[in-house]
Structure formats: structure tokens, C-alpha cells
Amino acid sequence: MAADPDEEALSWGTERDTTHVESADVAAPVVETAEEITQTSSVLLVVYGIFAGAYVLYLVGWIVAISHITAPVTDILPLFMYRLGEGLAIAAPALWFAGVLVLTRGGHLRSRILWLLLGLVLVAPWPFILGGVS
């Protein structure tokens, strides 16, 4: 009597089967690194989120402040430089936040927080804060 094809499909085969391969269980090699991976605490993630929110508000403040200011020059090169400065002022909060996170990656937590606090003062949208925008 011929074997049922469905039964053959569910068989692992025997030693006489040409496709049967014996293998020993070998544990995967463990690669040890000099640097341990550490996770960021929940409190620190909340602090980073607060800083990120403040920097996003600064970015919006720069957009609002710059949209109400007209360029004081009409020549092409000074106008280009003025617009470039406006673009960099808008991008400054995001660049500062990303730069601090990248450049202080291996450093101390205290220095990272201090750099983020310093950035809150340096890249603030002062024209908007001081009321230059009507």
C-alpha cells in the first residue's frame, strides 16, 4: 500500500533519508563589548520631553517673530544674508537640542542638563519675548 503524501509531509525523515541532517545544538557565541548598554530612566525621558517641548515653542516663537519683521535692505546680497540669518534663527532651537543630545552622549548627565538650560537662554526668541512683535 502506498504511503499517504500528507503523512510524508509531516515526517522528519529517517537516517536513510538523503535530506536528513544531524546537527548538534550549538549555543550562539556571546560577544562581549567593553561598553554596556544602559537604558534611560523614565524621569530623565520626561525631562528631555519638557526640554523638547520648550525648544519647539521657541521655534514657533521665532517663526512668529520673523513673520512680522520686514527686511530693512533691498540689495540682493544683504537681503540674502538677512534671510539666511532668519532661517538660522528659526532652526537654532532644534539644532541646539539635537546638538546637545548628540555631543554629550558619553558625558555626564549633569553637563547635558546644564547645556540644555543654557540653550533655553541663548536661543530664546527675544524679539517675540520683548514685545517687538505687534
C-alpha atoms as a PDB file:
ATOM      1  CA  MET A   1       0.000   0.000   0.000  1.00  0.00           C
ATOM      2  CA  ALA A   2       1.347   3.436  -0.947  1.00  0.00           C
ATOM      3  CA  ALA A   3       2.066   5.971   1.799  1.00  0.00           C
ATOM      4  CA  ASP A   4      -0.228   8.934   2.114  1.00  0.00           C
ATOM      5  CA  PRO A   5       1.515  12.119   0.775  1.00  0.00           C
ATOM      6  CA  ASP A   6       0.154  14.132   3.699  1.00  0.00           C
ATOM      7  CA  GLU A   7       1.792  11.742   6.152  1.00  0.00           C
ATOM      8  CA  GLU A   8       5.138  12.100   4.354  1.00  0.00           C
ATOM      9  CA  ALA A   9       4.919  15.887   4.588  1.00  0.00           C
ATOM     10  CA  LEU A  10       4.606  15.665   8.360  1.00  0.00           C
ATOM     11  CA  SER A  11       7.550  13.284   8.740  1.00  0.00           C
ATOM     12  CA  TRP A  12      11.025  14.398   9.722  1.00  0.00           C
ATOM     13  CA  GLY A  13      12.586  11.562   7.827  1.00  0.00           C
ATOM     14  CA  THR A  14      14.973   8.843   8.964  1.00  0.00           C
ATOM     15  CA  GLU A  15      18.700   8.381   8.868  1.00  0.00           C
ATOM     16  CA  ARG A  16      18.395   6.795   5.428  1.00  0.00           C
ATOM     17  CA  ASP A  17      16.696   9.916   4.033  1.00  0.00           C
ATOM     18  CA  THR A  18      19.151  11.912   1.863  1.00  0.00           C
ATOM     19  CA  THR A  19      17.785  15.240   3.084  1.00  0.00           C
ATOM     20  CA  HIS A  20      18.087  14.318   6.778  1.00  0.00           C
ATOM     21  CA  VAL A  21      20.884  16.206   8.527  1.00  0.00           C
ATOM     22  CA  GLU A  22      22.021  15.611  12.076  1.00  0.00           C
ATOM     23  CA  SER A  23      23.217  18.651  13.937  1.00  0.00           C
ATOM     24  CA  ALA A  24      24.246  19.265  17.468  1.00  0.00           C
ATOM     25  CA  ASP A  25      22.791  22.102  19.477  1.00  0.00           C
ATOM     26  CA  VAL A  26      25.456  24.738  19.485  1.00  0.00           C
ATOM     27  CA  ALA A  27      24.956  27.830  21.577  1.00  0.00           C
ATOM     28  CA  ALA A  28      25.424  31.104  19.780  1.00  0.00           C
ATOM     29  CA  PRO A  29      28.704  32.778  20.675  1.00  0.00           C
ATOM     30  CA  VAL A  30      28.355  35.592  23.153  1.00  0.00           C
ATOM     31  CA  VAL A  31      30.044  38.759  22.034  1.00  0.00           C
ATOM     32  CA  GLU A  32      31.177  40.832  24.957  1.00  0.00           C
ATOM     33  CA  THR A  33      31.519  44.539  24.462  1.00  0.00           C
ATOM     34  CA  ALA A  34      33.501  46.942  26.515  1.00  0.00           C
ATOM     35  CA  GLU A  35      30.559  49.276  26.681  1.00  0.00           C
ATOM     36  CA  GLU A  36      27.380  48.175  28.423  1.00  0.00           C
ATOM     37  CA  ILE A  37      24.084  49.324  27.027  1.00  0.00           C
ATOM     38  CA  THR A  38      22.255  51.415  29.583  1.00  0.00           C
ATOM     39  CA  GLN A  39      18.644  52.445  29.459  1.00  0.00           C
ATOM     40  CA  THR A  40      17.462  55.968  30.127  1.00  0.00           C
ATOM     41  CA  SER A  41      15.279  56.309  33.203  1.00  0.00           C
ATOM     42  CA  SER A  42      11.651  57.366  32.919  1.00  0.00           C
ATOM     43  CA  VAL A  43      12.233  60.582  34.852  1.00  0.00           C
ATOM     44  CA  LEU A  44      15.041  61.561  32.503  1.00  0.00           C
ATOM     45  CA  LEU A  45      12.854  60.878  29.476  1.00  0.00           C
ATOM     46  CA  VAL A  46      10.187  63.178  30.923  1.00  0.00           C
ATOM     47  CA  VAL A  47      12.823  65.879  31.494  1.00  0.00           C
ATOM     48  CA  TYR A  48      14.012  65.532  27.887  1.00  0.00           C
ATOM     49  CA  GLY A  49      10.400  65.769  26.735  1.00  0.00           C
ATOM     50  CA  ILE A  50       9.918  69.006  28.678  1.00  0.00           C
ATOM     51  CA  PHE A  51      13.080  70.453  27.149  1.00  0.00           C
ATOM     52  CA  ALA A  52      12.000  69.329  23.674  1.00  0.00           C
ATOM     53  CA  GLY A  53       8.602  70.970  24.155  1.00  0.00           C
ATOM     54  CA  ALA A  54      10.248  74.228  25.238  1.00  0.00           C
ATOM     55  CA  TYR A  55      12.539  74.186  22.210  1.00  0.00           C
ATOM     56  CA  VAL A  56       9.570  73.547  19.892  1.00  0.00           C
ATOM     57  CA  LEU A  57       7.798  76.539  21.452  1.00  0.00           C
ATOM     58  CA  TYR A  58      10.946  78.604  20.840  1.00  0.00           C
ATOM     59  CA  LEU A  59      10.960  77.501  17.221  1.00  0.00           C
ATOM     60  CA  VAL A  60       7.342  78.605  16.828  1.00  0.00           C
ATOM     61  CA  GLY A  61       8.180  81.877  18.603  1.00  0.00           C
ATOM     62  CA  TRP A  62      10.967  82.566  16.095  1.00  0.00           C
ATOM     63  CA  ILE A  63       8.630  81.850  13.181  1.00  0.00           C
ATOM     64  CA  VAL A  64       6.027  84.265  14.559  1.00  0.00           C
ATOM     65  CA  ALA A  65       8.629  86.930  15.353  1.00  0.00           C
ATOM     66  CA  ILE A  66      10.267  86.753  11.930  1.00  0.00           C
ATOM     67  CA  SER A  67       6.986  86.726  10.036  1.00  0.00           C
ATOM     68  CA  HIS A  68       6.148  90.167  11.444  1.00  0.00           C
ATOM     69  CA  ILE A  69       9.507  91.784  10.654  1.00  0.00           C
ATOM     70  CA  THR A  70      10.236  93.220   7.213  1.00  0.00           C
ATOM     71  CA  ALA A  71      13.697  93.126   5.711  1.00  0.00           C
ATOM     72  CA  PRO A  72      15.442  96.513   6.141  1.00  0.00           C
ATOM     73  CA  VAL A  73      17.526  96.121   2.966  1.00  0.00           C
ATOM     74  CA  THR A  74      16.747  95.924  -0.737  1.00  0.00           C
ATOM     75  CA  ASP A  75      20.080  94.906  -2.306  1.00  0.00           C
ATOM     76  CA  ILE A  76      20.411  91.261  -3.267  1.00  0.00           C
ATOM     77  CA  LEU A  77      23.425  90.205  -1.177  1.00  0.00           C
ATOM     78  CA  PRO A  78      22.376  91.911   2.078  1.00  0.00           C
ATOM     79  CA  LEU A  79      18.836  90.600   1.567  1.00  0.00           C
ATOM     80  CA  PHE A  80      20.165  87.067   1.062  1.00  0.00           C
ATOM     81  CA  MET A  81      22.289  87.332   4.211  1.00  0.00           C
ATOM     82  CA  TYR A  82      19.329  88.704   6.172  1.00  0.00           C
ATOM     83  CA  ARG A  83      17.094  85.821   5.043  1.00  0.00           C
ATOM     84  CA  LEU A  84      19.859  83.342   5.857  1.00  0.00           C
ATOM     85  CA  GLY A  85      20.073  84.770   9.366  1.00  0.00           C
ATOM     86  CA  GLU A  86      16.312  84.460   9.741  1.00  0.00           C
ATOM     87  CA  GLY A  87      16.434  80.818   8.660  1.00  0.00           C
ATOM     88  CA  LEU A  88      19.252  80.047  11.073  1.00  0.00           C
ATOM     89  CA  ALA A  89      17.377  81.808  13.888  1.00  0.00           C
ATOM     90  CA  ILE A  90      14.359  79.588  13.229  1.00  0.00           C
ATOM     91  CA  ALA A  91      16.496  76.439  13.112  1.00  0.00           C
ATOM     92  CA  ALA A  92      18.627  77.349  16.149  1.00  0.00           C
ATOM     93  CA  PRO A  93      16.405  75.778  18.859  1.00  0.00           C
ATOM     94  CA  ALA A  94      16.142  72.446  17.048  1.00  0.00           C
ATOM     95  CA  LEU A  95      19.846  72.426  16.182  1.00  0.00           C
ATOM     96  CA  TRP A  96      20.824  73.266  19.766  1.00  0.00           C
ATOM     97  CA  PHE A  97      18.656  70.497  21.243  1.00  0.00           C
ATOM     98  CA  ALA A  98      19.879  67.870  18.779  1.00  0.00           C
ATOM     99  CA  GLY A  99      23.478  69.026  19.102  1.00  0.00           C
ATOM    100  CA  VAL A 100      23.445  68.779  22.885  1.00  0.00           C
ATOM    101  CA  LEU A 101      21.968  65.281  22.791  1.00  0.00           C
ATOM    102  CA  VAL A 102      24.498  64.083  20.222  1.00  0.00           C
ATOM    103  CA  LEU A 103      27.609  65.825  21.509  1.00  0.00           C
ATOM    104  CA  THR A 104      27.089  64.949  25.195  1.00  0.00           C
ATOM    105  CA  ARG A 105      26.255  61.301  24.554  1.00  0.00           C
ATOM    106  CA  GLY A 106      29.156  59.857  26.528  1.00  0.00           C
ATOM    107  CA  GLY A 107      29.358  62.675  29.048  1.00  0.00           C
ATOM    108  CA  HIS A 108      27.798  63.252  32.398  1.00  0.00           C
ATOM    109  CA  LEU A 109      24.085  63.762  32.830  1.00  0.00           C
ATOM    110  CA  ARG A 110      24.625  66.980  34.756  1.00  0.00           C
ATOM    111  CA  SER A 111      26.554  68.590  31.902  1.00  0.00           C
ATOM    112  CA  ARG A 112      23.835  67.628  29.402  1.00  0.00           C
ATOM    113  CA  ILE A 113      21.129  69.233  31.546  1.00  0.00           C
ATOM    114  CA  LEU A 114      23.255  72.368  32.031  1.00  0.00           C
ATOM    115  CA  TRP A 115      23.826  72.710  28.268  1.00  0.00           C
ATOM    116  CA  LEU A 116      20.088  72.342  27.648  1.00  0.00           C
ATOM    117  CA  LEU A 117      19.350  75.028  30.268  1.00  0.00           C
ATOM    118  CA  LEU A 118      21.943  77.338  28.716  1.00  0.00           C
ATOM    119  CA  GLY A 119      20.318  76.815  25.327  1.00  0.00           C
ATOM    120  CA  LEU A 120      16.963  77.904  26.728  1.00  0.00           C
ATOM    121  CA  VAL A 121      18.508  81.300  27.416  1.00  0.00           C
ATOM    122  CA  LEU A 122      20.662  81.615  24.296  1.00  0.00           C
ATOM    123  CA  VAL A 123      18.222  80.594  21.580  1.00  0.00           C
ATOM    124  CA  ALA A 124      15.136  82.227  23.071  1.00  0.00           C
ATOM    125  CA  PRO A 125      13.060  84.237  20.575  1.00  0.00           C
ATOM    126  CA  TRP A 126      13.968  87.585  22.127  1.00  0.00           C
ATOM    127  CA  PRO A 127      12.086  89.743  19.577  1.00  0.00           C
ATOM    128  CA  PHE A 128       8.915  87.858  20.476  1.00  0.00           C
ATOM    129  CA  ILE A 129       9.575  87.857  24.234  1.00  0.00           C
ATOM    130  CA  LEU A 130      10.443  91.558  24.463  1.00  0.00           C
ATOM    131  CA  GLY A 131       7.335  92.568  22.565  1.00  0.00           C
ATOM    132  CA  GLY A 132       8.920  93.637  19.290  1.00  0.00           C
ATOM    133  CA  VAL A 133       6.141  91.777  17.506  1.00  0.00           C
ATOM    134  CA  SER A 134       2.821  93.553  17.460  1.00  0.00           C
END
